[in-house]
Amino acid sequence: MFSKTDIKGLDLPPKTLCLTYDDGPSPLSAPIGRFLQERGVRATFFVVGKFAAERPAVLKELHDAGHIIGNHTYEHPDAPYYVSVQGDIRDQIIRTNTLIRNYTRNNVIYFRAPYGKWSPEVADELNADLRSSFKHVGPIHWEIPGIDCHYWRLGKSVEETVDAYVKETDKHGRGILVMHDGVADMETVAALNRTLELTRRLIPMLQDRGYRFVGLDEIADPQLKTAQADAFSLRGQNGKLLHYHAENENTLSWTGRLLGDGNEVFTLEEKRDGKIVLRSSDGRYLHVNADTDDVVRLRPECGPGALFDIIPISDGRFVIRSCNGNYLASDPEPSALLRANAPYMRQAWLITYVPVTGAYVKPQTIADRFAQAGRRLRFIRSKLLPR
């Protein structure tokens, strides 16, 4: 699930940095990844989908070197504005996911917003769809900003850029550091990119100054860990939630509501060939035994009968096809028993994704609130005062 606010201020020990790169992959990405591996540093590369489509081998090399691949949208839009004009922000995430999914770790997708721009409305839009929110963590922000591409645009040298990064890093003493292995929206600057040289100079210098580097997935901060517990309910077209019954041959029916007993809460795992499995909150798998009948039951094992296809429709709704070729539907009420008994899509039940977990929100300190108020005041003054 996406947070409504930026993820930053992670619980890191002093002199601990998390290295990230944005806007690749580019021709510089693989050499950067190899150099970091030699230095024992794991980085997160937030990739732009349209570039990832051109360089899948680079994604594999970075993954094999121990690095993390994150999502940076497909075309690098300004997300709050994009959503305000009805841009399909879910598609930006989902298309990129299809390219990076095989190179993620622990079934978690880390996300950084282009330009660091974010809003609660963007989070709400993404969280409404299973495909664009489940097991996602973001938006990952930063403490040490990515000044490199701006320095290249200004004609600054590598030495000047290193000095600026060291000064900013020492100022914070810990946190997430950003560099750019590519430049998503300024081709003239992309031709000037010297971030490979910057990396070769900066990382050893920071290590010599006593800094250590950790990967995003090594940080125990709860802002990064809630995706592991992501869960959801499924609402049928009768308006009721899917509910399982331990006392009734482990069957399921569209008769539930959120009672707090967990019997209407599920998780999802992705398998090969685009298949998924659905699991109940107690860890059992939804399963169809095509040799017996079309009733969906819970089983402790994950066999061929537990594999399903999800076919998205719109607005967080989808249909599900089972191993017997039929779609999930229902017996008539009052039983509303879940069955894989709809041979045609037009007979399938439209199922709606209902998230039941949310992203962890870090409590704000008084200092945080004053700083936020100061930023808002400066923004207002910048709009009102003459230039």
Protein backbone atom coordinates (compact mmCIF):
# COMPACT_ATOMS: atom_id res chain seq x y z
CA MET A 1 0.00 0.00 0.00
CA PHE A 2 1.19 3.49 -0.80
CA SER A 3 1.64 6.06 1.92
CA LYS A 4 -0.18 9.38 1.64
CA THR A 5 3.05 11.14 2.65
CA ASP A 6 6.69 10.77 1.66
CA ILE A 7 8.68 7.96 3.26
CA LYS A 8 11.76 9.58 4.75
CA GLY A 9 13.51 10.05 8.07
CA LEU A 10 14.16 6.33 8.29
CA ASP A 11 15.39 4.80 11.52
CA LEU A 12 19.07 4.56 10.58
CA PRO A 13 22.13 4.53 12.86
CA PRO A 14 24.55 7.45 12.58
CA LYS A 15 26.88 7.35 9.57
CA THR A 16 24.53 4.99 7.71
CA LEU A 17 23.43 5.71 4.14
CA CYS A 18 21.01 4.11 1.71
CA LEU A 19 22.16 4.71 -1.87
CA THR A 20 19.59 5.15 -4.64
CA TYR A 21 19.68 6.00 -8.34
CA ASP A 22 16.88 7.46 -10.46
CA ASP A 23 15.90 7.68 -14.14
CA GLY A 24 17.76 4.68 -15.58
CA PRO A 25 18.55 2.25 -16.85
CA SER A 26 21.07 3.92 -19.13
CA PRO A 27 24.45 2.89 -20.57
CA LEU A 28 25.94 4.01 -17.24
CA SER A 29 23.79 1.76 -15.04
CA ALA A 30 25.62 -1.55 -15.43
CA PRO A 31 29.12 -0.07 -14.90
CA ILE A 32 27.83 1.76 -11.82
CA GLY A 33 26.32 -1.47 -10.52
CA ARG A 34 29.56 -3.38 -11.05
CA PHE A 35 31.64 -0.73 -9.29
CA LEU A 36 29.29 -0.69 -6.31
CA GLN A 37 29.42 -4.48 -6.07
CA GLU A 38 33.22 -4.27 -5.92
CA ARG A 39 32.88 -1.81 -3.04
CA GLY A 40 30.37 -4.01 -1.19
CA VAL A 41 27.55 -1.50 -1.68
CA ARG A 42 23.96 -2.42 -2.55
CA ALA A 43 21.91 0.32 -4.20
CA THR A 44 18.30 0.69 -5.29
CA PHE A 45 17.83 1.65 -8.94
CA PHE A 46 14.45 3.33 -9.49
CA VAL A 47 13.91 2.71 -13.19
CA VAL A 48 11.73 4.41 -15.78
CA GLY A 49 9.65 1.81 -17.61
CA LYS A 50 10.25 3.09 -21.15
CA PHE A 51 14.01 2.80 -20.56
CA ALA A 52 13.72 -0.58 -18.82
CA ALA A 53 11.90 -1.94 -21.88
CA GLU A 54 15.00 -1.17 -23.96
CA ARG A 55 17.54 -2.64 -21.52
CA PRO A 56 16.23 -5.78 -19.81
CA ALA A 57 19.75 -7.24 -19.67
CA VAL A 58 20.83 -4.32 -17.49
CA LEU A 59 18.05 -5.07 -15.01
CA LYS A 60 19.20 -8.67 -14.77
CA GLU A 61 22.83 -7.66 -14.28
CA LEU A 62 21.95 -5.21 -11.52
CA HIS A 63 19.73 -7.79 -9.81
CA ASP A 64 22.39 -10.50 -10.07
CA ALA A 65 24.89 -8.09 -8.50
CA GLY A 66 22.65 -7.82 -5.44
CA HIS A 67 21.04 -4.47 -6.17
CA ILE A 68 17.33 -3.65 -5.83
CA ILE A 69 15.18 -2.61 -8.79
CA GLY A 70 12.41 -0.12 -8.00
CA ASN A 71 9.56 1.50 -9.92
CA HIS A 72 9.87 5.14 -11.10
CA THR A 73 6.77 5.10 -13.39
CA TYR A 74 6.75 4.35 -17.10
CA GLU A 75 7.06 7.85 -18.57
CA HIS A 76 8.19 9.98 -15.59
CA PRO A 77 5.13 12.26 -15.19
CA ASP A 78 4.51 14.80 -12.45
CA ALA A 79 2.16 12.50 -10.51
CA PRO A 80 -0.09 15.04 -8.70
CA TYR A 81 -0.68 17.07 -11.84
CA TYR A 82 -1.05 13.90 -13.95
CA VAL A 83 -3.82 12.64 -11.66
CA SER A 84 -5.50 16.06 -11.60
CA VAL A 85 -5.99 15.92 -15.40
CA GLN A 86 -7.23 12.30 -15.30
CA GLY A 87 -3.92 10.74 -16.30
CA ASP A 88 -3.82 6.98 -15.72
CA ILE A 89 -1.27 6.82 -12.91
CA ARG A 90 -2.13 3.17 -12.22
CA ASP A 91 -1.05 2.29 -15.75
CA GLN A 92 2.27 4.07 -15.16
CA ILE A 93 2.95 1.74 -12.24
CA ILE A 94 1.49 -1.46 -13.68
CA ARG A 95 3.31 -1.24 -17.03
CA THR A 96 6.62 -0.73 -15.26
CA ASN A 97 5.88 -3.59 -12.86
CA THR A 98 5.56 -6.01 -15.78
CA LEU A 99 9.14 -5.15 -16.76
CA ILE A 100 10.76 -5.26 -13.33
CA ARG A 101 8.73 -7.93 -11.51
CA ASN A 102 11.28 -10.70 -12.14
CA TYR A 103 14.01 -8.52 -10.64
CA THR A 104 12.34 -7.48 -7.39
CA ARG A 105 13.14 -9.07 -4.05
CA ASN A 106 10.81 -10.62 -1.46
CA ASN A 107 7.78 -9.81 -3.68
CA VAL A 108 8.02 -6.15 -2.63
CA ILE A 109 8.08 -3.26 -5.12
CA TYR A 110 9.73 -0.06 -3.95
CA PHE A 111 8.55 3.14 -5.62
CA ARG A 112 9.88 6.66 -5.97
CA ALA A 113 7.76 9.46 -7.42
CA PRO A 114 9.24 11.47 -10.32
CA TYR A 115 10.65 14.77 -9.04
CA GLY A 116 9.68 13.62 -5.55
CA LYS A 117 6.20 15.04 -6.16
CA TRP A 118 3.36 13.32 -4.31
CA SER A 119 -0.09 13.89 -2.89
CA PRO A 120 -2.74 11.96 -0.94
CA GLU A 121 -4.85 11.91 -4.11
CA VAL A 122 -2.14 10.00 -5.98
CA ALA A 123 -1.92 7.48 -3.13
CA ASP A 124 -5.70 7.02 -3.10
CA GLU A 125 -5.79 6.44 -6.86
CA LEU A 126 -3.07 3.79 -6.73
CA ASN A 127 -4.38 2.09 -3.59
CA ALA A 128 -7.75 1.47 -5.24
CA ASP A 129 -6.29 -1.23 -7.51
CA LEU A 130 -4.71 -4.52 -6.47
CA ARG A 131 -2.18 -4.40 -9.31
CA SER A 132 -0.88 -0.93 -8.50
CA SER A 133 -0.72 -1.12 -4.71
CA PHE A 134 -0.44 -4.62 -3.25
CA LYS A 135 3.07 -5.18 -1.82
CA HIS A 136 4.20 -1.72 -2.95
CA VAL A 137 6.26 0.55 -0.69
CA GLY A 138 6.52 4.24 -1.38
CA PRO A 139 7.01 6.95 -2.21
CA ILE A 140 10.64 6.64 -1.10
CA HIS A 141 11.97 10.16 -0.55
CA TRP A 142 15.46 11.26 0.51
CA GLU A 143 17.65 13.29 2.83
CA ILE A 144 20.58 13.93 0.45
CA PRO A 145 19.04 15.23 -2.81
CA GLY A 146 20.06 14.26 -6.34
CA ILE A 147 21.90 17.42 -7.35
CA ASP A 148 24.10 15.65 -9.89
CA CYS A 149 21.95 16.14 -12.99
CA HIS A 150 21.50 19.83 -12.13
CA TYR A 151 25.25 20.23 -11.71
CA TRP A 152 25.85 18.65 -15.11
CA ARG A 153 23.34 21.08 -16.63
CA LEU A 154 25.24 24.00 -15.06
CA GLY A 155 28.57 22.72 -16.37
CA LYS A 156 29.93 21.88 -12.92
CA SER A 157 32.86 19.50 -12.60
CA VAL A 158 32.86 16.08 -10.96
CA GLU A 159 35.05 17.51 -8.18
CA GLU A 160 32.53 20.27 -7.45
CA THR A 161 29.71 17.74 -7.42
CA VAL A 162 31.58 15.41 -5.05
CA ASP A 163 32.23 18.31 -2.68
CA ALA A 164 28.55 19.27 -2.69
CA TYR A 165 27.45 15.70 -1.93
CA VAL A 166 29.99 15.32 0.89
CA LYS A 167 28.88 18.60 2.45
CA GLU A 168 25.20 17.62 2.27
CA THR A 169 25.90 14.11 3.59
CA ASP A 170 27.90 15.41 6.55
CA LYS A 171 25.10 17.89 7.26
CA HIS A 172 22.55 15.07 7.70
CA GLY A 173 24.87 12.34 8.97
CA ARG A 174 22.59 9.56 7.75
CA GLY A 175 19.73 8.91 5.34
CA ILE A 176 18.79 8.18 1.75
CA LEU A 177 21.11 9.59 -0.92
CA VAL A 178 20.01 10.14 -4.53
CA MET A 179 22.03 10.15 -7.74
CA HIS A 180 20.95 9.79 -11.36
CA ASP A 181 22.24 6.98 -13.58
CA GLY A 182 20.00 8.41 -16.31
CA VAL A 183 18.12 11.62 -17.05
CA ALA A 184 14.47 11.01 -17.87
CA ASP A 185 13.38 14.31 -19.34
CA MET A 186 16.38 16.39 -20.40
CA GLU A 187 18.17 14.73 -23.31
CA THR A 188 20.67 17.57 -23.53
CA VAL A 189 21.68 16.91 -19.92
CA ALA A 190 21.72 13.13 -20.43
CA ALA A 191 24.57 13.62 -22.89
CA LEU A 192 26.55 15.38 -20.12
CA ASN A 193 25.92 12.74 -17.44
CA ARG A 194 29.08 11.98 -15.42
CA THR A 195 27.46 10.10 -12.56
CA LEU A 196 29.63 7.03 -13.19
CA GLU A 197 32.72 9.16 -12.49
CA LEU A 198 30.91 10.75 -9.56
CA THR A 199 30.12 7.34 -8.09
CA ARG A 200 33.72 6.19 -8.44
CA ARG A 201 34.91 9.26 -6.54
CA LEU A 202 32.15 9.78 -4.00
CA ILE A 203 31.50 6.28 -2.65
CA PRO A 204 35.12 5.48 -1.62
CA MET A 205 35.41 8.97 -0.11
CA LEU A 206 32.29 8.48 2.00
CA GLN A 207 33.46 5.03 3.08
CA ASP A 208 36.81 6.53 4.10
CA ARG A 209 34.90 9.08 6.19
CA GLY A 210 33.28 6.24 8.14
CA TYR A 211 29.96 5.92 6.34
CA ARG A 212 28.44 2.50 5.71
CA PHE A 213 25.79 1.63 3.13
CA VAL A 214 22.70 -0.55 3.53
CA GLY A 215 20.03 -1.65 1.05
CA LEU A 216 16.42 -0.52 1.42
CA ASP A 217 15.41 -4.08 2.26
CA GLU A 218 17.92 -4.18 5.14
CA ILE A 219 16.29 -1.29 7.01
CA ALA A 220 13.92 -2.29 9.81
CA ASP A 221 11.95 0.96 9.83
CA PRO A 222 8.18 0.22 9.93
CA GLN A 223 7.62 2.65 7.05
CA LEU A 224 9.32 0.08 4.83
CA LYS A 225 7.96 -3.12 6.36
CA THR A 226 4.17 -2.79 6.29
CA ALA A 227 3.96 -4.12 2.72
CA GLN A 228 4.91 -7.55 4.04
CA ALA A 229 1.56 -7.60 5.86
CA ASP A 230 -0.58 -6.23 3.01
CA ALA A 231 -3.97 -7.93 2.92
CA PHE A 232 -7.37 -7.40 1.33
CA SER A 233 -10.94 -8.58 1.11
CA LEU A 234 -12.91 -9.43 -2.02
CA ARG A 235 -16.39 -8.01 -2.56
CA GLY A 236 -18.80 -9.87 -4.83
CA GLN A 237 -21.34 -8.32 -7.12
CA ASN A 238 -23.98 -8.92 -4.44
CA GLY A 239 -22.14 -6.33 -2.33
CA LYS A 240 -20.93 -8.86 0.24
CA LEU A 241 -17.42 -10.01 1.09
CA LEU A 242 -15.97 -13.43 0.42
CA HIS A 243 -15.93 -15.32 3.72
CA TYR A 244 -14.53 -18.74 4.53
CA HIS A 245 -16.03 -21.34 6.83
CA ALA A 246 -13.79 -23.75 8.71
CA GLU A 247 -16.84 -25.62 9.96
CA ASN A 248 -18.37 -26.21 6.51
CA GLU A 249 -15.84 -28.33 4.60
CA ASN A 250 -13.54 -25.30 4.30
CA THR A 251 -15.80 -23.72 1.70
CA LEU A 252 -16.23 -20.01 1.00
CA SER A 253 -19.27 -17.87 0.30
CA TRP A 254 -20.21 -14.32 -0.62
CA THR A 255 -21.93 -13.66 2.70
CA GLY A 256 -19.36 -11.85 4.79
CA ARG A 257 -18.69 -8.42 6.17
CA LEU A 258 -15.66 -7.15 8.08
CA LEU A 259 -16.23 -8.80 11.44
CA GLY A 260 -12.66 -8.69 12.67
CA ASP A 261 -12.31 -12.48 12.80
CA GLY A 262 -10.00 -12.53 9.76
CA ASN A 263 -12.21 -14.94 7.83
CA GLU A 264 -12.72 -12.41 5.05
CA VAL A 265 -9.06 -11.39 4.73
CA PHE A 266 -6.75 -12.74 2.02
CA THR A 267 -3.30 -12.30 0.52
CA LEU A 268 -1.93 -13.00 -2.94
CA GLU A 269 1.26 -14.54 -4.33
CA GLU A 270 2.42 -14.38 -7.94
CA LYS A 271 3.56 -17.56 -9.67
CA ARG A 272 4.98 -18.44 -13.07
CA ASP A 273 3.22 -17.74 -16.37
CA GLY A 274 1.17 -14.92 -14.90
CA LYS A 275 -0.67 -17.18 -12.45
CA ILE A 276 -1.54 -16.18 -8.90
CA VAL A 277 -2.58 -18.00 -5.76
CA LEU A 278 -4.92 -16.65 -3.10
CA ARG A 279 -4.38 -17.46 0.57
CA SER A 280 -6.62 -17.09 3.58
CA SER A 281 -5.43 -15.23 6.67
CA ASP A 282 -4.50 -18.56 8.28
CA GLY A 283 -2.23 -19.44 5.33
CA ARG A 284 -4.37 -21.91 3.38
CA TYR A 285 -4.86 -21.79 -0.40
CA LEU A 286 -8.06 -21.36 -2.37
CA HIS A 287 -8.24 -24.54 -4.43
CA VAL A 288 -10.42 -26.15 -7.10
CA ASN A 289 -10.34 -29.93 -7.54
CA ALA A 290 -11.47 -30.18 -11.15
CA ASP A 291 -11.74 -33.99 -10.88
CA THR A 292 -14.34 -33.75 -8.11
CA ASP A 293 -16.53 -30.66 -8.49
CA ASP A 294 -16.36 -26.92 -9.04
CA VAL A 295 -16.58 -25.85 -5.39
CA VAL A 296 -13.70 -23.64 -4.22
CA ARG A 297 -12.25 -24.87 -0.94
CA LEU A 298 -9.29 -24.08 1.29
CA ARG A 299 -6.38 -26.51 1.25
CA PRO A 300 -3.07 -26.43 3.12
CA GLU A 301 -1.06 -27.31 0.00
CA CYS A 302 -0.41 -25.25 -3.14
CA GLY A 303 -1.03 -27.56 -6.10
CA PRO A 304 -2.18 -26.98 -9.70
CA GLY A 305 -5.74 -26.48 -8.46
CA ALA A 306 -4.63 -23.39 -6.53
CA LEU A 307 -3.50 -21.50 -9.63
CA PHE A 308 -5.76 -18.75 -10.94
CA ASP A 309 -5.72 -16.00 -13.56
CA ILE A 310 -6.83 -12.50 -12.63
CA ILE A 311 -8.28 -10.52 -15.53
CA PRO A 312 -8.66 -6.82 -14.71
CA ILE A 313 -11.79 -4.96 -15.78
CA SER A 314 -11.78 -1.41 -14.36
CA ASP A 315 -11.83 0.62 -11.14
CA GLY A 316 -10.24 -2.09 -9.01
CA ARG A 317 -12.60 -4.77 -10.34
CA PHE A 318 -11.62 -8.03 -12.02
CA VAL A 319 -12.74 -11.55 -12.82
CA ILE A 320 -10.88 -14.70 -11.81
CA ARG A 321 -10.45 -17.82 -13.93
CA SER A 322 -9.64 -21.16 -12.30
CA CYS A 323 -7.66 -24.20 -13.42
CA ASN A 324 -10.82 -25.88 -14.77
CA GLY A 325 -11.23 -23.07 -17.31
CA ASN A 326 -14.30 -21.66 -15.59
CA TYR A 327 -14.60 -18.30 -13.90
CA LEU A 328 -15.43 -17.76 -10.25
CA ALA A 329 -19.08 -17.05 -9.57
CA SER A 330 -21.63 -18.07 -6.95
CA ASP A 331 -24.55 -20.25 -6.00
CA PRO A 332 -27.80 -18.33 -5.53
CA GLU A 333 -28.37 -16.78 -2.13
CA PRO A 334 -28.79 -17.52 0.69
CA SER A 335 -25.84 -19.95 0.41
CA ALA A 336 -23.89 -17.81 -2.14
CA LEU A 337 -21.28 -20.58 -2.22
CA LEU A 338 -18.11 -19.73 -4.16
CA ARG A 339 -17.80 -21.92 -7.24
CA ALA A 340 -15.68 -22.06 -10.39
CA ASN A 341 -18.80 -22.73 -12.45
CA ALA A 342 -19.03 -19.91 -15.02
CA PRO A 343 -17.84 -21.20 -18.43
CA TYR A 344 -18.06 -17.77 -20.08
CA MET A 345 -16.65 -14.43 -18.97
CA ARG A 346 -20.07 -12.83 -19.25
CA GLN A 347 -21.22 -15.21 -16.49
CA ALA A 348 -18.29 -14.46 -14.19
CA TRP A 349 -18.79 -12.46 -11.04
CA LEU A 350 -17.19 -9.02 -11.04
CA ILE A 351 -15.01 -8.95 -7.95
CA THR A 352 -13.88 -5.74 -6.24
CA TYR A 353 -10.59 -5.31 -4.39
CA VAL A 354 -11.04 -4.00 -0.83
CA PRO A 355 -7.75 -3.22 0.95
CA VAL A 356 -7.86 -3.81 4.69
CA THR A 357 -4.33 -2.70 5.58
CA GLY A 358 -2.75 0.72 5.23
CA ALA A 359 0.73 2.14 5.01
CA TYR A 360 2.48 2.96 8.28
CA VAL A 361 2.37 6.68 9.04
CA LYS A 362 5.34 7.94 11.01
CA PRO A 363 4.21 10.15 13.93
CA GLN A 364 5.06 13.82 13.43
CA THR A 365 7.17 15.56 16.05
CA ILE A 366 6.61 19.18 17.02
CA ALA A 367 9.79 20.05 15.11
CA ASP A 368 8.39 18.32 12.02
CA ARG A 369 5.19 20.37 12.26
CA PHE A 370 7.07 23.66 12.60
CA ALA A 371 9.29 22.76 9.64
CA GLN A 372 6.24 21.87 7.54
CA ALA A 373 4.53 25.14 8.48
CA GLY A 374 7.67 27.03 7.52
CA ARG A 375 7.77 25.36 4.11
CA ARG A 376 4.13 26.22 3.50
CA LEU A 377 4.72 29.86 4.50
CA ARG A 378 7.71 30.17 2.19
CA PHE A 379 5.67 28.69 -0.66
CA ILE A 380 2.83 31.17 -0.09
CA ARG A 381 5.25 34.10 0.08
CA SER A 382 6.91 32.98 -3.16
CA LYS A 383 3.54 33.18 -4.91
CA LEU A 384 2.42 36.50 -3.41
CA LEU A 385 5.55 38.63 -3.41
CA PRO A 386 6.80 40.25 -6.63
CA ARG A 387 9.80 38.64 -8.25
